Amino acid sequence: MLHTLVVLVEDKPGALTRVASLFRRLNINIISLTVGHSERISVSRMTIVCEAPDGAGHRIRASLFKIENVIDVDDLGLLSCVTRELALIKVAATPETRSPIFQLAEVFRARVVDLAPESLMLEITGVASKIEGLIQVLNEGNNRILEIARTGRMVMRRGQHTSQVLDAMRLSRPEDEPIIPTTATASRTAQ
């Protein structure tokens, strides 16, 4: 069974190593690991997708809470969430093959982000099956994929948090510490 965990950690050296080492000690394979800044200063957000038995979720969460620098752990496996992944796909392209690739990009809502004489690069965001679909169609045609870079799964709960979660967030953040808007929030407020 796949478990999706969101782990908030203090943004300090060694935090990622300690979390990854825990999964090694528990003999659990990490399928996807995405790390970046969170909405709070000096706090990073890790989204970890791992394959483990059904009952292992509680054991993983309890073990993560024991790690120095871990602030919060949330298991989003069975909750209603928005899931996205980003991929950059570089495809060999000649002047004759560019037009069909542009049409394919339009169908999958991908963007051409780089155009070179012998290749082009597509950017696609969505669920993993959408990205896999584009890769499959590119491979089935006469297109040669030169390189693929994928982020890994990013997950966020749908809707608003309950008052209990908001109270917990206020307790873990000093009142004078500002909330940093994320790129998505900043672009939404600018529109």
C-alpha atoms as a PDB file:
ATOM      1  CA  MET A   1       0.000   0.000   0.000  1.00  0.00           C
ATOM      2  CA  LEU A   2       1.206   3.511  -0.790  1.00  0.00           C
ATOM      3  CA  HIS A   3       1.431   5.942   2.121  1.00  0.00           C
ATOM      4  CA  THR A   4       1.643   9.693   1.506  1.00  0.00           C
ATOM      5  CA  LEU A   5       3.161  11.588   4.419  1.00  0.00           C
ATOM      6  CA  VAL A   6       3.612  15.329   4.799  1.00  0.00           C
ATOM      7  CA  VAL A   7       6.385  16.085   7.281  1.00  0.00           C
ATOM      8  CA  LEU A   8       7.140  19.606   8.522  1.00  0.00           C
ATOM      9  CA  VAL A   9      10.744  19.939   9.698  1.00  0.00           C
ATOM     10  CA  GLU A  10      12.937  22.746  10.957  1.00  0.00           C
ATOM     11  CA  ASP A  11      15.034  24.047   8.089  1.00  0.00           C
ATOM     12  CA  LYS A  12      18.365  22.912   9.527  1.00  0.00           C
ATOM     13  CA  PRO A  13      21.285  20.870   8.148  1.00  0.00           C
ATOM     14  CA  GLY A  14      20.841  17.115   8.462  1.00  0.00           C
ATOM     15  CA  ALA A  15      17.024  17.047   8.711  1.00  0.00           C
ATOM     16  CA  LEU A  16      16.583  15.322   5.339  1.00  0.00           C
ATOM     17  CA  THR A  17      19.315  12.793   6.128  1.00  0.00           C
ATOM     18  CA  ARG A  18      17.690  11.866   9.444  1.00  0.00           C
ATOM     19  CA  VAL A  19      14.287  11.340   7.806  1.00  0.00           C
ATOM     20  CA  ALA A  20      15.701   9.275   4.914  1.00  0.00           C
ATOM     21  CA  SER A  21      17.774   7.182   7.349  1.00  0.00           C
ATOM     22  CA  LEU A  22      14.635   6.358   9.330  1.00  0.00           C
ATOM     23  CA  PHE A  23      13.023   4.803   6.241  1.00  0.00           C
ATOM     24  CA  ARG A  24      16.199   2.808   5.606  1.00  0.00           C
ATOM     25  CA  ARG A  25      16.165   1.504   9.195  1.00  0.00           C
ATOM     26  CA  LEU A  26      12.481   0.564   8.878  1.00  0.00           C
ATOM     27  CA  ASN A  27      13.271  -1.194   5.564  1.00  0.00           C
ATOM     28  CA  ILE A  28      10.664   0.902   3.725  1.00  0.00           C
ATOM     29  CA  ASN A  29      11.268   2.074   0.169  1.00  0.00           C
ATOM     30  CA  ILE A  30      10.649   5.747  -0.621  1.00  0.00           C
ATOM     31  CA  ILE A  31       8.846   6.020  -3.973  1.00  0.00           C
ATOM     32  CA  SER A  32       8.875   9.819  -4.139  1.00  0.00           C
ATOM     33  CA  LEU A  33      10.398  12.564  -1.979  1.00  0.00           C
ATOM     34  CA  THR A  34       9.729  16.267  -2.533  1.00  0.00           C
ATOM     35  CA  VAL A  35      11.212  18.912  -0.230  1.00  0.00           C
ATOM     36  CA  GLY A  36      10.793  22.680  -0.272  1.00  0.00           C
ATOM     37  CA  HIS A  37      10.013  25.753   1.796  1.00  0.00           C
ATOM     38  CA  SER A  38       6.653  25.900   3.561  1.00  0.00           C
ATOM     39  CA  GLU A  39       4.416  28.847   4.401  1.00  0.00           C
ATOM     40  CA  ARG A  40       6.406  29.413   7.605  1.00  0.00           C
ATOM     41  CA  ILE A  41       9.898  30.857   7.892  1.00  0.00           C
ATOM     42  CA  SER A  42      12.585  28.270   8.754  1.00  0.00           C
ATOM     43  CA  VAL A  43      10.209  25.334   8.185  1.00  0.00           C
ATOM     44  CA  SER A  44      10.494  22.936   5.244  1.00  0.00           C
ATOM     45  CA  ARG A  45       7.749  20.679   3.937  1.00  0.00           C
ATOM     46  CA  MET A  46       8.584  17.122   2.898  1.00  0.00           C
ATOM     47  CA  THR A  47       6.101  15.075   0.908  1.00  0.00           C
ATOM     48  CA  ILE A  48       7.087  11.422   1.149  1.00  0.00           C
ATOM     49  CA  VAL A  49       5.381   8.632  -0.774  1.00  0.00           C
ATOM     50  CA  CYS A  50       6.422   5.178   0.387  1.00  0.00           C
ATOM     51  CA  GLU A  51       5.288   1.603  -0.057  1.00  0.00           C
ATOM     52  CA  ALA A  52       4.579  -0.178   3.221  1.00  0.00           C
ATOM     53  CA  PRO A  53       2.009  -2.586   4.711  1.00  0.00           C
ATOM     54  CA  ASP A  54      -1.421  -1.207   5.640  1.00  0.00           C
ATOM     55  CA  GLY A  55      -0.754  -1.023   9.382  1.00  0.00           C
ATOM     56  CA  ALA A  56       2.699   0.579   9.038  1.00  0.00           C
ATOM     57  CA  GLY A  57       1.382   4.142   8.829  1.00  0.00           C
ATOM     58  CA  HIS A  58       1.103   4.580  12.599  1.00  0.00           C
ATOM     59  CA  ARG A  59       4.566   3.104  13.151  1.00  0.00           C
ATOM     60  CA  ILE A  60       6.115   5.428  10.549  1.00  0.00           C
ATOM     61  CA  ARG A  61       4.398   8.499  12.029  1.00  0.00           C
ATOM     62  CA  ALA A  62       5.466   7.608  15.573  1.00  0.00           C
ATOM     63  CA  SER A  63       9.056   7.064  14.432  1.00  0.00           C
ATOM     64  CA  LEU A  64       9.108  10.365  12.535  1.00  0.00           C
ATOM     65  CA  PHE A  65       7.913  12.277  15.598  1.00  0.00           C
ATOM     66  CA  LYS A  66      10.944  10.955  17.499  1.00  0.00           C
ATOM     67  CA  ILE A  67      13.375  12.576  15.050  1.00  0.00           C
ATOM     68  CA  GLU A  68      15.030  15.812  16.053  1.00  0.00           C
ATOM     69  CA  ASN A  69      13.761  18.803  14.011  1.00  0.00           C
ATOM     70  CA  VAL A  70      10.415  17.160  13.070  1.00  0.00           C
ATOM     71  CA  ILE A  71       7.557  19.536  13.879  1.00  0.00           C
ATOM     72  CA  ASP A  72       4.511  17.740  12.470  1.00  0.00           C
ATOM     73  CA  VAL A  73       3.604  14.599  10.515  1.00  0.00           C
ATOM     74  CA  ASP A  74       0.384  14.110   8.573  1.00  0.00           C
ATOM     75  CA  ASP A  75      -0.610  10.869   6.809  1.00  0.00           C
ATOM     76  CA  LEU A  76      -2.734  11.885   3.815  1.00  0.00           C
ATOM     77  CA  GLY A  77      -3.154   8.417   2.335  1.00  0.00           C
ATOM     78  CA  LEU A  78      -6.941   8.093   2.656  1.00  0.00           C
ATOM     79  CA  LEU A  79      -7.887  11.785   2.827  1.00  0.00           C
ATOM     80  CA  SER A  80      -9.333  13.940   0.058  1.00  0.00           C
ATOM     81  CA  CYS A  81      -6.297  15.678  -1.453  1.00  0.00           C
ATOM     82  CA  VAL A  82      -5.041  17.540  -4.475  1.00  0.00           C
ATOM     83  CA  THR A  83      -2.051  15.721  -5.979  1.00  0.00           C
ATOM     84  CA  ARG A  84       0.277  17.125  -8.602  1.00  0.00           C
ATOM     85  CA  GLU A  85       3.612  16.307 -10.173  1.00  0.00           C
ATOM     86  CA  LEU A  86       5.811  18.337 -12.535  1.00  0.00           C
ATOM     87  CA  ALA A  87       7.847  16.904 -15.410  1.00  0.00           C
ATOM     88  CA  LEU A  88      10.241  18.364 -17.941  1.00  0.00           C
ATOM     89  CA  ILE A  89      10.556  16.229 -21.075  1.00  0.00           C
ATOM     90  CA  LYS A  90      13.202  16.925 -23.720  1.00  0.00           C
ATOM     91  CA  VAL A  91      12.284  15.494 -27.119  1.00  0.00           C
ATOM     92  CA  ALA A  92      14.402  15.287 -30.261  1.00  0.00           C
ATOM     93  CA  ALA A  93      12.740  17.503 -32.877  1.00  0.00           C
ATOM     94  CA  THR A  94      13.401  18.626 -36.418  1.00  0.00           C
ATOM     95  CA  PRO A  95      11.501  21.358 -38.255  1.00  0.00           C
ATOM     96  CA  GLU A  96       9.289  18.610 -39.752  1.00  0.00           C
ATOM     97  CA  THR A  97       8.433  16.904 -36.440  1.00  0.00           C
ATOM     98  CA  ARG A  98       7.848  20.025 -34.317  1.00  0.00           C
ATOM     99  CA  SER A  99       4.272  20.661 -35.429  1.00  0.00           C
ATOM    100  CA  PRO A 100       2.925  17.232 -34.321  1.00  0.00           C
ATOM    101  CA  ILE A 101       4.733  17.611 -30.974  1.00  0.00           C
ATOM    102  CA  PHE A 102       3.161  21.067 -30.491  1.00  0.00           C
ATOM    103  CA  GLN A 103      -0.277  19.544 -31.184  1.00  0.00           C
ATOM    104  CA  LEU A 104       0.399  16.727 -28.728  1.00  0.00           C
ATOM    105  CA  ALA A 105       1.497  19.253 -26.099  1.00  0.00           C
ATOM    106  CA  GLU A 106      -1.764  21.134 -26.590  1.00  0.00           C
ATOM    107  CA  VAL A 107      -3.844  17.975 -26.092  1.00  0.00           C
ATOM    108  CA  PHE A 108      -2.036  17.202 -22.791  1.00  0.00           C
ATOM    109  CA  ARG A 109      -1.994  20.888 -21.719  1.00  0.00           C
ATOM    110  CA  ALA A 110       1.797  20.854 -21.673  1.00  0.00           C
ATOM    111  CA  ARG A 111       3.886  23.928 -22.466  1.00  0.00           C
ATOM    112  CA  VAL A 112       6.908  24.242 -24.689  1.00  0.00           C
ATOM    113  CA  VAL A 113       9.495  25.921 -22.442  1.00  0.00           C
ATOM    114  CA  ASP A 114      12.607  25.568 -24.617  1.00  0.00           C
ATOM    115  CA  LEU A 115      13.127  25.316 -28.342  1.00  0.00           C
ATOM    116  CA  ALA A 116      16.513  24.414 -29.807  1.00  0.00           C
ATOM    117  CA  PRO A 117      17.502  23.489 -33.378  1.00  0.00           C
ATOM    118  CA  GLU A 118      17.527  19.740 -32.593  1.00  0.00           C
ATOM    119  CA  SER A 119      15.159  19.437 -29.614  1.00  0.00           C
ATOM    120  CA  LEU A 120      12.358  20.987 -27.625  1.00  0.00           C
ATOM    121  CA  MET A 121      11.419  20.776 -23.968  1.00  0.00           C
ATOM    122  CA  LEU A 122       7.890  20.268 -22.664  1.00  0.00           C
ATOM    123  CA  GLU A 123       6.675  21.154 -19.181  1.00  0.00           C
ATOM    124  CA  ILE A 124       3.655  19.233 -17.891  1.00  0.00           C
ATOM    125  CA  THR A 125       1.925  19.420 -14.537  1.00  0.00           C
ATOM    126  CA  GLY A 126      -0.738  17.032 -13.296  1.00  0.00           C
ATOM    127  CA  VAL A 127      -1.364  13.665 -11.771  1.00  0.00           C
ATOM    128  CA  ALA A 128       1.170  10.932 -12.466  1.00  0.00           C
ATOM    129  CA  SER A 129      -1.133   9.121 -14.937  1.00  0.00           C
ATOM    130  CA  LYS A 130      -1.369  12.243 -17.125  1.00  0.00           C
ATOM    131  CA  ILE A 131       2.428  12.521 -17.259  1.00  0.00           C
ATOM    132  CA  GLU A 132       2.773   8.797 -17.945  1.00  0.00           C
ATOM    133  CA  GLY A 133       0.210   9.158 -20.750  1.00  0.00           C
ATOM    134  CA  LEU A 134       2.220  11.891 -22.482  1.00  0.00           C
ATOM    135  CA  ILE A 135       5.428   9.869 -22.173  1.00  0.00           C
ATOM    136  CA  GLN A 136       3.675   6.787 -23.585  1.00  0.00           C
ATOM    137  CA  VAL A 137       2.266   8.675 -26.582  1.00  0.00           C
ATOM    138  CA  LEU A 138       5.653  10.272 -27.281  1.00  0.00           C
ATOM    139  CA  ASN A 139       7.305   6.829 -27.176  1.00  0.00           C
ATOM    140  CA  GLU A 140       4.660   5.269 -29.455  1.00  0.00           C
ATOM    141  CA  GLY A 141       5.259   7.879 -32.155  1.00  0.00           C
ATOM    142  CA  ASN A 142       8.479   8.587 -33.992  1.00  0.00           C
ATOM    143  CA  ASN A 143       9.571  10.948 -31.216  1.00  0.00           C
ATOM    144  CA  ARG A 144      12.750  10.160 -29.328  1.00  0.00           C
ATOM    145  CA  ILE A 145      12.742  11.273 -25.700  1.00  0.00           C
ATOM    146  CA  LEU A 146      16.212  12.546 -24.827  1.00  0.00           C
ATOM    147  CA  GLU A 147      15.740  13.302 -21.135  1.00  0.00           C
ATOM    148  CA  ILE A 148      13.054  13.337 -18.428  1.00  0.00           C
ATOM    149  CA  ALA A 149      13.117  15.128 -15.070  1.00  0.00           C
ATOM    150  CA  ARG A 150      10.202  14.641 -12.641  1.00  0.00           C
ATOM    151  CA  THR A 151       9.604  16.258  -9.280  1.00  0.00           C
ATOM    152  CA  GLY A 152       7.703  13.597  -7.423  1.00  0.00           C
ATOM    153  CA  ARG A 153       4.294  13.878  -5.862  1.00  0.00           C
ATOM    154  CA  MET A 154       3.171  17.050  -4.104  1.00  0.00           C
ATOM    155  CA  VAL A 155       0.029  16.725  -2.024  1.00  0.00           C
ATOM    156  CA  MET A 156      -2.203  19.093  -0.085  1.00  0.00           C
ATOM    157  CA  ARG A 157      -5.504  18.448   1.706  1.00  0.00           C
ATOM    158  CA  ARG A 158      -8.629  19.754   0.029  1.00  0.00           C
ATOM    159  CA  GLY A 159     -10.701  22.461   1.668  1.00  0.00           C
ATOM    160  CA  GLN A 160      -9.989  24.196   4.917  1.00  0.00           C
ATOM    161  CA  HIS A 161      -8.420  22.805   8.052  1.00  0.00           C
ATOM    162  CA  THR A 162     -10.553  22.226  11.107  1.00  0.00           C
ATOM    163  CA  SER A 163     -10.233  24.635  14.030  1.00  0.00           C
ATOM    164  CA  GLN A 164      -8.193  21.988  15.896  1.00  0.00           C
ATOM    165  CA  VAL A 165      -5.536  21.973  13.149  1.00  0.00           C
ATOM    166  CA  LEU A 166      -5.488  25.775  12.945  1.00  0.00           C
ATOM    167  CA  ASP A 167      -5.021  25.999  16.726  1.00  0.00           C
ATOM    168  CA  ALA A 168      -2.100  23.556  16.517  1.00  0.00           C
ATOM    169  CA  MET A 169      -0.526  25.619  13.734  1.00  0.00           C
ATOM    170  CA  ARG A 170      -0.797  28.792  15.824  1.00  0.00           C
ATOM    171  CA  LEU A 171       0.889  27.067  18.765  1.00  0.00           C
ATOM    172  CA  SER A 172       3.854  25.970  16.660  1.00  0.00           C
ATOM    173  CA  ARG A 173       4.383  29.431  15.108  1.00  0.00           C
ATOM    174  CA  PRO A 174       5.224  32.496  17.201  1.00  0.00           C
ATOM    175  CA  GLU A 175       2.707  35.319  16.696  1.00  0.00           C
ATOM    176  CA  ASP A 176       5.305  37.747  15.389  1.00  0.00           C
ATOM    177  CA  GLU A 177       6.594  35.263  12.762  1.00  0.00           C
ATOM    178  CA  PRO A 178       5.108  36.194   9.372  1.00  0.00           C
ATOM    179  CA  ILE A 179       3.641  33.679   6.966  1.00  0.00           C
ATOM    180  CA  ILE A 180       5.508  33.651   3.663  1.00  0.00           C
ATOM    181  CA  PRO A 181       3.180  33.453   0.668  1.00  0.00           C
ATOM    182  CA  THR A 182       3.967  30.591  -1.673  1.00  0.00           C
ATOM    183  CA  THR A 183       4.433  31.188  -5.385  1.00  0.00           C
ATOM    184  CA  ALA A 184       0.912  29.915  -6.098  1.00  0.00           C
ATOM    185  CA  THR A 185      -0.576  32.239  -3.460  1.00  0.00           C
ATOM    186  CA  ALA A 186       1.452  35.221  -4.652  1.00  0.00           C
ATOM    187  CA  SER A 187       0.412  34.748  -8.286  1.00  0.00           C
ATOM    188  CA  ARG A 188      -3.249  34.277  -7.275  1.00  0.00           C
ATOM    189  CA  THR A 189      -3.298  37.517  -5.267  1.00  0.00           C
ATOM    190  CA  ALA A 190      -1.593  39.395  -8.111  1.00  0.00           C
ATOM    191  CA  GLN A 191      -4.420  38.511 -10.539  1.00  0.00           C
END
